[in-house]
Amino acid sequence: MPNIKQAKKRVKINAKKAARNRSANTALKTALKKAYAAIEANAADKAELAAAAEKKIDQAVAKGLLHKNNGARKKAALAKKLNAAG
């Protein structure tokens, strides 16, 4: 445990940022799972769920949670799967 005041503050700030990142990553994973499940089930709203997942990917890239190439790769894989489903 830190003894210096600023180090104590950094521990609190890092915990807050970690919680925010965890929440955003969970939301991203959930959106991707819903989109892939809809595509597999050939649901009527698969395009809407895919668009929502793409938006979450873009937000994660903008916030620095994902590298831009990783985000592009995830979006390309999602689009490929969506187009293959018809």
PDB file of N, CA and C in Angstrom:
ATOM      1  N   MET A   1       0.853  -1.180   0.000  1.00  0.00           N
ATOM      2  CA  MET A   1       0.000   0.000   0.000  1.00  0.00           C
ATOM      3  C   MET A   1       0.894   1.236   0.000  1.00  0.00           C
ATOM      4  N   PRO A   2       0.571   2.220  -0.828  1.00  0.00           N
ATOM      5  CA  PRO A   2       1.417   3.418  -0.909  1.00  0.00           C
ATOM      6  C   PRO A   2       1.282   4.300   0.330  1.00  0.00           C
ATOM      7  N   ASN A   3       2.360   4.999   0.630  1.00  0.00           N
ATOM      8  CA  ASN A   3       2.374   5.913   1.771  1.00  0.00           C
ATOM      9  C   ASN A   3       2.252   7.371   1.338  1.00  0.00           C
ATOM     10  N   ILE A   4       2.666   7.663   0.117  1.00  0.00           N
ATOM     11  CA  ILE A   4       2.665   9.032  -0.377  1.00  0.00           C
ATOM     12  C   ILE A   4       1.250   9.395  -0.850  1.00  0.00           C
ATOM     13  N   LYS A   5       0.868  10.637  -0.548  1.00  0.00           N
ATOM     14  CA  LYS A   5      -0.492  11.082  -0.845  1.00  0.00           C
ATOM     15  C   LYS A   5      -0.847  10.919  -2.322  1.00  0.00           C
ATOM     16  N   GLN A   6       0.040  11.353  -3.215  1.00  0.00           N
ATOM     17  CA  GLN A   6      -0.243  11.270  -4.646  1.00  0.00           C
ATOM     18  C   GLN A   6      -0.341   9.811  -5.110  1.00  0.00           C
ATOM     19  N   ALA A   7       0.461   8.931  -4.520  1.00  0.00           N
ATOM     20  CA  ALA A   7       0.407   7.515  -4.881  1.00  0.00           C
ATOM     21  C   ALA A   7      -0.926   6.909  -4.444  1.00  0.00           C
ATOM     22  N   LYS A   8      -1.426   7.336  -3.294  1.00  0.00           N
ATOM     23  CA  LYS A   8      -2.738   6.863  -2.829  1.00  0.00           C
ATOM     24  C   LYS A   8      -3.832   7.309  -3.800  1.00  0.00           C
ATOM     25  N   LYS A   9      -3.707   8.565  -4.258  1.00  0.00           N
ATOM     26  CA  LYS A   9      -4.678   9.101  -5.201  1.00  0.00           C
ATOM     27  C   LYS A   9      -4.638   8.315  -6.516  1.00  0.00           C
ATOM     28  N   ARG A  10      -3.429   7.971  -6.992  1.00  0.00           N
ATOM     29  CA  ARG A  10      -3.299   7.220  -8.243  1.00  0.00           C
ATOM     30  C   ARG A  10      -3.954   5.841  -8.125  1.00  0.00           C
ATOM     31  N   VAL A  11      -3.861   5.229  -6.949  1.00  0.00           N
ATOM     32  CA  VAL A  11      -4.495   3.925  -6.745  1.00  0.00           C
ATOM     33  C   VAL A  11      -6.006   4.051  -6.933  1.00  0.00           C
ATOM     34  N   LYS A  12      -6.589   5.095  -6.368  1.00  0.00           N
ATOM     35  CA  LYS A  12      -8.031   5.317  -6.505  1.00  0.00           C
ATOM     36  C   LYS A  12      -8.411   5.591  -7.962  1.00  0.00           C
ATOM     37  N   ILE A  13      -7.628   6.441  -8.630  1.00  0.00           N
ATOM     38  CA  ILE A  13      -7.913   6.799 -10.017  1.00  0.00           C
ATOM     39  C   ILE A  13      -7.791   5.576 -10.917  1.00  0.00           C
ATOM     40  N   ASN A  14      -6.740   4.774 -10.691  1.00  0.00           N
ATOM     41  CA  ASN A  14      -6.546   3.572 -11.513  1.00  0.00           C
ATOM     42  C   ASN A  14      -7.682   2.583 -11.319  1.00  0.00           C
ATOM     43  N   ALA A  15      -8.182   2.475 -10.095  1.00  0.00           N
ATOM     44  CA  ALA A  15      -9.306   1.569  -9.835  1.00  0.00           C
ATOM     45  C   ALA A  15     -10.556   2.052 -10.575  1.00  0.00           C
ATOM     46  N   LYS A  16     -10.768   3.369 -10.572  1.00  0.00           N
ATOM     47  CA  LYS A  16     -11.936   3.937 -11.260  1.00  0.00           C
ATOM     48  C   LYS A  16     -11.837   3.717 -12.767  1.00  0.00           C
ATOM     49  N   LYS A  17     -10.632   3.955 -13.338  1.00  0.00           N
ATOM     50  CA  LYS A  17     -10.440   3.756 -14.770  1.00  0.00           C
ATOM     51  C   LYS A  17     -10.569   2.291 -15.144  1.00  0.00           C
ATOM     52  N   ALA A  18     -10.066   1.391 -14.300  1.00  0.00           N
ATOM     53  CA  ALA A  18     -10.163  -0.039 -14.568  1.00  0.00           C
ATOM     54  C   ALA A  18     -11.626  -0.476 -14.589  1.00  0.00           C
ATOM     55  N   ALA A  19     -12.419   0.059 -13.674  1.00  0.00           N
ATOM     56  CA  ALA A  19     -13.844  -0.278 -13.634  1.00  0.00           C
ATOM     57  C   ALA A  19     -14.547   0.228 -14.892  1.00  0.00           C
ATOM     58  N   ARG A  20     -14.210   1.425 -15.340  1.00  0.00           N
ATOM     59  CA  ARG A  20     -14.808   1.992 -16.549  1.00  0.00           C
ATOM     60  C   ARG A  20     -14.424   1.159 -17.769  1.00  0.00           C
ATOM     61  N   ASN A  21     -13.152   0.774 -17.851  1.00  0.00           N
ATOM     62  CA  ASN A  21     -12.689  -0.042 -18.970  1.00  0.00           C
ATOM     63  C   ASN A  21     -13.352  -1.414 -18.959  1.00  0.00           C
ATOM     64  N   ARG A  22     -13.498  -1.995 -17.777  1.00  0.00           N
ATOM     65  CA  ARG A  22     -14.127  -3.310 -17.651  1.00  0.00           C
ATOM     66  C   ARG A  22     -15.575  -3.245 -18.128  1.00  0.00           C
ATOM     67  N   SER A  23     -16.261  -2.183 -17.756  1.00  0.00           N
ATOM     68  CA  SER A  23     -17.650  -2.002 -18.164  1.00  0.00           C
ATOM     69  C   SER A  23     -17.759  -1.853 -19.681  1.00  0.00           C
ATOM     70  N   ALA A  24     -16.884  -1.054 -20.265  1.00  0.00           N
ATOM     71  CA  ALA A  24     -16.916  -0.835 -21.714  1.00  0.00           C
ATOM     72  C   ALA A  24     -16.574  -2.119 -22.470  1.00  0.00           C
ATOM     73  N   ASN A  25     -15.582  -2.874 -21.975  1.00  0.00           N
ATOM     74  CA  ASN A  25     -15.216  -4.132 -22.620  1.00  0.00           C
ATOM     75  C   ASN A  25     -16.341  -5.144 -22.534  1.00  0.00           C
ATOM     76  N   THR A  26     -17.022  -5.173 -21.401  1.00  0.00           N
ATOM     77  CA  THR A  26     -18.147  -6.096 -21.238  1.00  0.00           C
ATOM     78  C   THR A  26     -19.270  -5.737 -22.200  1.00  0.00           C
ATOM     79  N   ALA A  27     -19.557  -4.450 -22.330  1.00  0.00           N
ATOM     80  CA  ALA A  27     -20.605  -4.002 -23.258  1.00  0.00           C
ATOM     81  C   ALA A  27     -20.235  -4.361 -24.699  1.00  0.00           C
ATOM     82  N   LEU A  28     -18.967  -4.211 -25.035  1.00  0.00           N
ATOM     83  CA  LEU A  28     -18.495  -4.549 -26.381  1.00  0.00           C
ATOM     84  C   LEU A  28     -18.665  -6.041 -26.642  1.00  0.00           C
ATOM     85  N   LYS A  29     -18.234  -6.862 -25.714  1.00  0.00           N
ATOM     86  CA  LYS A  29     -18.343  -8.312 -25.880  1.00  0.00           C
ATOM     87  C   LYS A  29     -19.799  -8.752 -25.983  1.00  0.00           C
ATOM     88  N   THR A  30     -20.664  -8.150 -25.181  1.00  0.00           N
ATOM     89  CA  THR A  30     -22.085  -8.490 -25.211  1.00  0.00           C
ATOM     90  C   THR A  30     -22.693  -8.127 -26.564  1.00  0.00           C
ATOM     91  N   ALA A  31     -22.352  -6.950 -27.075  1.00  0.00           N
ATOM     92  CA  ALA A  31     -22.878  -6.523 -28.376  1.00  0.00           C
ATOM     93  C   ALA A  31     -22.412  -7.470 -29.479  1.00  0.00           C
ATOM     94  N   LEU A  32     -21.146  -7.879 -29.426  1.00  0.00           N
ATOM     95  CA  LEU A  32     -20.630  -8.801 -30.434  1.00  0.00           C
ATOM     96  C   LEU A  32     -21.313 -10.167 -30.349  1.00  0.00           C
ATOM     97  N   LYS A  33     -21.506 -10.656 -29.129  1.00  0.00           N
ATOM     98  CA  LYS A  33     -22.164 -11.951 -28.946  1.00  0.00           C
ATOM     99  C   LYS A  33     -23.598 -11.910 -29.473  1.00  0.00           C
ATOM    100  N   LYS A  34     -24.312 -10.817 -29.184  1.00  0.00           N
ATOM    101  CA  LYS A  34     -25.691 -10.686 -29.671  1.00  0.00           C
ATOM    102  C   LYS A  34     -25.730 -10.638 -31.191  1.00  0.00           C
ATOM    103  N   ALA A  35     -24.787  -9.914 -31.793  1.00  0.00           N
ATOM    104  CA  ALA A  35     -24.755  -9.791 -33.254  1.00  0.00           C
ATOM    105  C   ALA A  35     -24.458 -11.147 -33.887  1.00  0.00           C
ATOM    106  N   TYR A  36     -23.449 -11.844 -33.382  1.00  0.00           N
ATOM    107  CA  TYR A  36     -23.101 -13.151 -33.944  1.00  0.00           C
ATOM    108  C   TYR A  36     -24.227 -14.161 -33.739  1.00  0.00           C
ATOM    109  N   ALA A  37     -24.889 -14.113 -32.590  1.00  0.00           N
ATOM    110  CA  ALA A  37     -26.002 -15.031 -32.332  1.00  0.00           C
ATOM    111  C   ALA A  37     -27.157 -14.757 -33.291  1.00  0.00           C
ATOM    112  N   ALA A  38     -27.433 -13.474 -33.555  1.00  0.00           N
ATOM    113  CA  ALA A  38     -28.511 -13.117 -34.478  1.00  0.00           C
ATOM    114  C   ALA A  38     -28.177 -13.559 -35.893  1.00  0.00           C
ATOM    115  N   ILE A  39     -26.908 -13.432 -36.273  1.00  0.00           N
ATOM    116  CA  ILE A  39     -26.498 -13.851 -37.612  1.00  0.00           C
ATOM    117  C   ILE A  39     -26.632 -15.370 -37.752  1.00  0.00           C
ATOM    118  N   GLU A  40     -26.199 -16.097 -36.722  1.00  0.00           N
ATOM    119  CA  GLU A  40     -26.295 -17.557 -36.752  1.00  0.00           C
ATOM    120  C   GLU A  40     -27.747 -18.018 -36.819  1.00  0.00           C
ATOM    121  N   ALA A  41     -28.620 -17.327 -36.087  1.00  0.00           N
ATOM    122  CA  ALA A  41     -30.034 -17.701 -36.048  1.00  0.00           C
ATOM    123  C   ALA A  41     -30.810 -17.130 -37.232  1.00  0.00           C
ATOM    124  N   ASN A  42     -30.128 -16.310 -38.063  1.00  0.00           N
ATOM    125  CA  ASN A  42     -30.763 -15.657 -39.214  1.00  0.00           C
ATOM    126  C   ASN A  42     -31.976 -14.834 -38.765  1.00  0.00           C
ATOM    127  N   ALA A  43     -31.788 -14.088 -37.677  1.00  0.00           N
ATOM    128  CA  ALA A  43     -32.859 -13.259 -37.117  1.00  0.00           C
ATOM    129  C   ALA A  43     -33.137 -12.063 -38.025  1.00  0.00           C
ATOM    130  N   ALA A  44     -34.318 -11.529 -37.884  1.00  0.00           N
ATOM    131  CA  ALA A  44     -34.728 -10.393 -38.718  1.00  0.00           C
ATOM    132  C   ALA A  44     -33.938  -9.130 -38.391  1.00  0.00           C
ATOM    133  N   ASP A  45     -33.519  -8.978 -37.140  1.00  0.00           N
ATOM    134  CA  ASP A  45     -32.814  -7.760 -36.720  1.00  0.00           C
ATOM    135  C   ASP A  45     -31.297  -7.926 -36.705  1.00  0.00           C
ATOM    136  N   LYS A  46     -30.772  -8.873 -37.483  1.00  0.00           N
ATOM    137  CA  LYS A  46     -29.329  -9.131 -37.465  1.00  0.00           C
ATOM    138  C   LYS A  46     -28.521  -7.931 -37.962  1.00  0.00           C
ATOM    139  N   ALA A  47     -29.049  -7.203 -38.946  1.00  0.00           N
ATOM    140  CA  ALA A  47     -28.331  -6.041 -39.468  1.00  0.00           C
ATOM    141  C   ALA A  47     -28.254  -4.926 -38.422  1.00  0.00           C
ATOM    142  N   GLU A  48     -29.348  -4.736 -37.674  1.00  0.00           N
ATOM    143  CA  GLU A  48     -29.355  -3.701 -36.630  1.00  0.00           C
ATOM    144  C   GLU A  48     -28.370  -4.048 -35.516  1.00  0.00           C
ATOM    145  N   LEU A  49     -28.346  -5.320 -35.113  1.00  0.00           N
ATOM    146  CA  LEU A  49     -27.435  -5.744 -34.057  1.00  0.00           C
ATOM    147  C   LEU A  49     -25.985  -5.662 -34.528  1.00  0.00           C
ATOM    148  N   ALA A  50     -25.746  -5.959 -35.787  1.00  0.00           N
ATOM    149  CA  ALA A  50     -24.394  -5.842 -36.337  1.00  0.00           C
ATOM    150  C   ALA A  50     -23.958  -4.380 -36.362  1.00  0.00           C
ATOM    151  N   ALA A  51     -24.871  -3.490 -36.725  1.00  0.00           N
ATOM    152  CA  ALA A  51     -24.550  -2.057 -36.739  1.00  0.00           C
ATOM    153  C   ALA A  51     -24.258  -1.554 -35.331  1.00  0.00           C
ATOM    154  N   ALA A  52     -25.028  -2.043 -34.354  1.00  0.00           N
ATOM    155  CA  ALA A  52     -24.785  -1.649 -32.965  1.00  0.00           C
ATOM    156  C   ALA A  52     -23.435  -2.157 -32.494  1.00  0.00           C
ATOM    157  N   ALA A  53     -23.067  -3.371 -32.895  1.00  0.00           N
ATOM    158  CA  ALA A  53     -21.770  -3.930 -32.513  1.00  0.00           C
ATOM    159  C   ALA A  53     -20.636  -3.139 -33.159  1.00  0.00           C
ATOM    160  N   GLU A  54     -20.817  -2.736 -34.420  1.00  0.00           N
ATOM    161  CA  GLU A  54     -19.800  -1.923 -35.091  1.00  0.00           C
ATOM    162  C   GLU A  54     -19.620  -0.587 -34.378  1.00  0.00           C
ATOM    163  N   LYS A  55     -20.723  -0.010 -33.932  1.00  0.00           N
ATOM    164  CA  LYS A  55     -20.641   1.252 -33.200  1.00  0.00           C
ATOM    165  C   LYS A  55     -19.857   1.068 -31.901  1.00  0.00           C
ATOM    166  N   LYS A  56     -20.116  -0.034 -31.193  1.00  0.00           N
ATOM    167  CA  LYS A  56     -19.383  -0.317 -29.951  1.00  0.00           C
ATOM    168  C   LYS A  56     -17.897  -0.495 -30.231  1.00  0.00           C
ATOM    169  N   ILE A  57     -17.563  -1.148 -31.347  1.00  0.00           N
ATOM    170  CA  ILE A  57     -16.161  -1.332 -31.718  1.00  0.00           C
ATOM    171  C   ILE A  57     -15.515   0.018 -31.966  1.00  0.00           C
ATOM    172  N   ASP A  58     -16.205   0.887 -32.718  1.00  0.00           N
ATOM    173  CA  ASP A  58     -15.676   2.225 -33.001  1.00  0.00           C
ATOM    174  C   ASP A  58     -15.466   3.023 -31.719  1.00  0.00           C
ATOM    175  N   GLN A  59     -16.410   2.905 -30.795  1.00  0.00           N
ATOM    176  CA  GLN A  59     -16.282   3.612 -29.520  1.00  0.00           C
ATOM    177  C   GLN A  59     -15.090   3.091 -28.728  1.00  0.00           C
ATOM    178  N   ALA A  60     -14.898   1.776 -28.738  1.00  0.00           N
ATOM    179  CA  ALA A  60     -13.768   1.181 -28.008  1.00  0.00           C
ATOM    180  C   ALA A  60     -12.441   1.640 -28.606  1.00  0.00           C
ATOM    181  N   VAL A  61     -12.382   1.740 -29.929  1.00  0.00           N
ATOM    182  CA  VAL A  61     -11.164   2.219 -30.580  1.00  0.00           C
ATOM    183  C   VAL A  61     -10.923   3.685 -30.223  1.00  0.00           C
ATOM    184  N   ALA A  62     -11.988   4.480 -30.219  1.00  0.00           N
ATOM    185  CA  ALA A  62     -11.855   5.905 -29.904  1.00  0.00           C
ATOM    186  C   ALA A  62     -11.387   6.122 -28.466  1.00  0.00           C
ATOM    187  N   LYS A  63     -11.819   5.251 -27.555  1.00  0.00           N
ATOM    188  CA  LYS A  63     -11.438   5.387 -26.156  1.00  0.00           C
ATOM    189  C   LYS A  63     -10.078   4.764 -25.860  1.00  0.00           C
ATOM    190  N   GLY A  64      -9.524   4.061 -26.839  1.00  0.00           N
ATOM    191  CA  GLY A  64      -8.223   3.445 -26.630  1.00  0.00           C
ATOM    192  C   GLY A  64      -8.297   2.063 -26.005  1.00  0.00           C
ATOM    193  N   LEU A  65      -9.476   1.474 -25.947  1.00  0.00           N
ATOM    194  CA  LEU A  65      -9.606   0.127 -25.394  1.00  0.00           C
ATOM    195  C   LEU A  65      -9.108  -0.915 -26.385  1.00  0.00           C
ATOM    196  N   LEU A  66      -9.269  -0.624 -27.674  1.00  0.00           N
ATOM    197  CA  LEU A  66      -8.800  -1.506 -28.734  1.00  0.00           C
ATOM    198  C   LEU A  66      -7.860  -0.718 -29.633  1.00  0.00           C
ATOM    199  N   HIS A  67      -6.866  -1.409 -30.170  1.00  0.00           N
ATOM    200  CA  HIS A  67      -6.020  -0.812 -31.196  1.00  0.00           C
ATOM    201  C   HIS A  67      -6.859  -0.653 -32.461  1.00  0.00           C
ATOM    202  N   LYS A  68      -6.553   0.349 -33.266  1.00  0.00           N
ATOM    203  CA  LYS A  68      -7.392   0.615 -34.442  1.00  0.00           C
ATOM    204  C   LYS A  68      -7.396  -0.556 -35.415  1.00  0.00           C
ATOM    205  N   ASN A  69      -6.278  -1.262 -35.564  1.00  0.00           N
ATOM    206  CA  ASN A  69      -6.250  -2.417 -36.465  1.00  0.00           C
ATOM    207  C   ASN A  69      -7.064  -3.574 -35.904  1.00  0.00           C
ATOM    208  N   ASN A  70      -7.053  -3.722 -34.590  1.00  0.00           N
ATOM    209  CA  ASN A  70      -7.858  -4.769 -33.952  1.00  0.00           C
ATOM    210  C   ASN A  70      -9.341  -4.473 -34.174  1.00  0.00           C
ATOM    211  N   GLY A  71      -9.720  -3.219 -34.022  1.00  0.00           N
ATOM    212  CA  GLY A  71     -11.104  -2.823 -34.266  1.00  0.00           C
ATOM    213  C   GLY A  71     -11.510  -3.051 -35.714  1.00  0.00           C
ATOM    214  N   ALA A  72     -10.610  -2.706 -36.638  1.00  0.00           N
ATOM    215  CA  ALA A  72     -10.894  -2.905 -38.055  1.00  0.00           C
ATOM    216  C   ALA A  72     -11.054  -4.392 -38.358  1.00  0.00           C
ATOM    217  N   ARG A  73     -10.226  -5.216 -37.749  1.00  0.00           N
ATOM    218  CA  ARG A  73     -10.295  -6.655 -37.965  1.00  0.00           C
ATOM    219  C   ARG A  73     -11.609  -7.231 -37.450  1.00  0.00           C
ATOM    220  N   LYS A  74     -12.037  -6.766 -36.274  1.00  0.00           N
ATOM    221  CA  LYS A  74     -13.303  -7.229 -35.700  1.00  0.00           C
ATOM    222  C   LYS A  74     -14.484  -6.817 -36.584  1.00  0.00           C
ATOM    223  N   LYS A  75     -14.455  -5.581 -37.083  1.00  0.00           N
ATOM    224  CA  LYS A  75     -15.534  -5.097 -37.943  1.00  0.00           C
ATOM    225  C   LYS A  75     -15.564  -5.865 -39.262  1.00  0.00           C
ATOM    226  N   ALA A  76     -14.390  -6.153 -39.825  1.00  0.00           N
ATOM    227  CA  ALA A  76     -14.324  -6.885 -41.088  1.00  0.00           C
ATOM    228  C   ALA A  76     -14.855  -8.303 -40.914  1.00  0.00           C
ATOM    229  N   ALA A  77     -14.506  -8.947 -39.813  1.00  0.00           N
ATOM    230  CA  ALA A  77     -14.981 -10.307 -39.558  1.00  0.00           C
ATOM    231  C   ALA A  77     -16.493 -10.322 -39.391  1.00  0.00           C
ATOM    232  N   LEU A  78     -17.021  -9.318 -38.700  1.00  0.00           N
ATOM    233  CA  LEU A  78     -18.461  -9.221 -38.497  1.00  0.00           C
ATOM    234  C   LEU A  78     -19.185  -8.999 -39.828  1.00  0.00           C
ATOM    235  N   ALA A  79     -18.657  -8.092 -40.646  1.00  0.00           N
ATOM    236  CA  ALA A  79     -19.265  -7.804 -41.945  1.00  0.00           C
ATOM    237  C   ALA A  79     -19.214  -9.038 -42.852  1.00  0.00           C
ATOM    238  N   LYS A  80     -18.096  -9.753 -42.811  1.00  0.00           N
ATOM    239  CA  LYS A  80     -17.941 -10.954 -43.627  1.00  0.00           C
ATOM    240  C   LYS A  80     -18.975 -11.996 -43.247  1.00  0.00           C
ATOM    241  N   LYS A  81     -19.155 -12.174 -41.955  1.00  0.00           N
ATOM    242  CA  LYS A  81     -20.125 -13.155 -41.464  1.00  0.00           C
ATOM    243  C   LYS A  81     -21.562 -12.726 -41.842  1.00  0.00           C
ATOM    244  N   LEU A  82     -21.844 -11.428 -41.708  1.00  0.00           N
ATOM    245  CA  LEU A  82     -23.163 -10.899 -42.034  1.00  0.00           C
ATOM    246  C   LEU A  82     -23.460 -11.061 -43.532  1.00  0.00           C
ATOM    247  N   ASN A  83     -22.484 -10.757 -44.378  1.00  0.00           N
ATOM    248  CA  ASN A  83     -22.679 -10.868 -45.825  1.00  0.00           C
ATOM    249  C   ASN A  83     -22.820 -12.322 -46.262  1.00  0.00           C
ATOM    250  N   ALA A  84     -22.107 -13.208 -45.597  1.00  0.00           N
ATOM    251  CA  ALA A  84     -22.190 -14.634 -45.938  1.00  0.00           C
ATOM    252  C   ALA A  84     -23.570 -15.196 -45.563  1.00  0.00           C
ATOM    253  N   ALA A  85     -24.166 -14.642 -44.508  1.00  0.00           N
ATOM    254  CA  ALA A  85     -25.478 -15.109 -44.061  1.00  0.00           C
ATOM    255  C   ALA A  85     -26.581 -14.665 -45.023  1.00  0.00           C
ATOM    256  N   GLY A  86     -26.322 -13.598 -45.742  1.00  0.00           N
ATOM    257  CA  GLY A  86     -27.310 -13.167 -46.726  1.00  0.00           C
ATOM    258  C   GLY A  86     -28.133 -12.061 -46.292  1.00  0.00           C
TER     259      GLY A  86
END
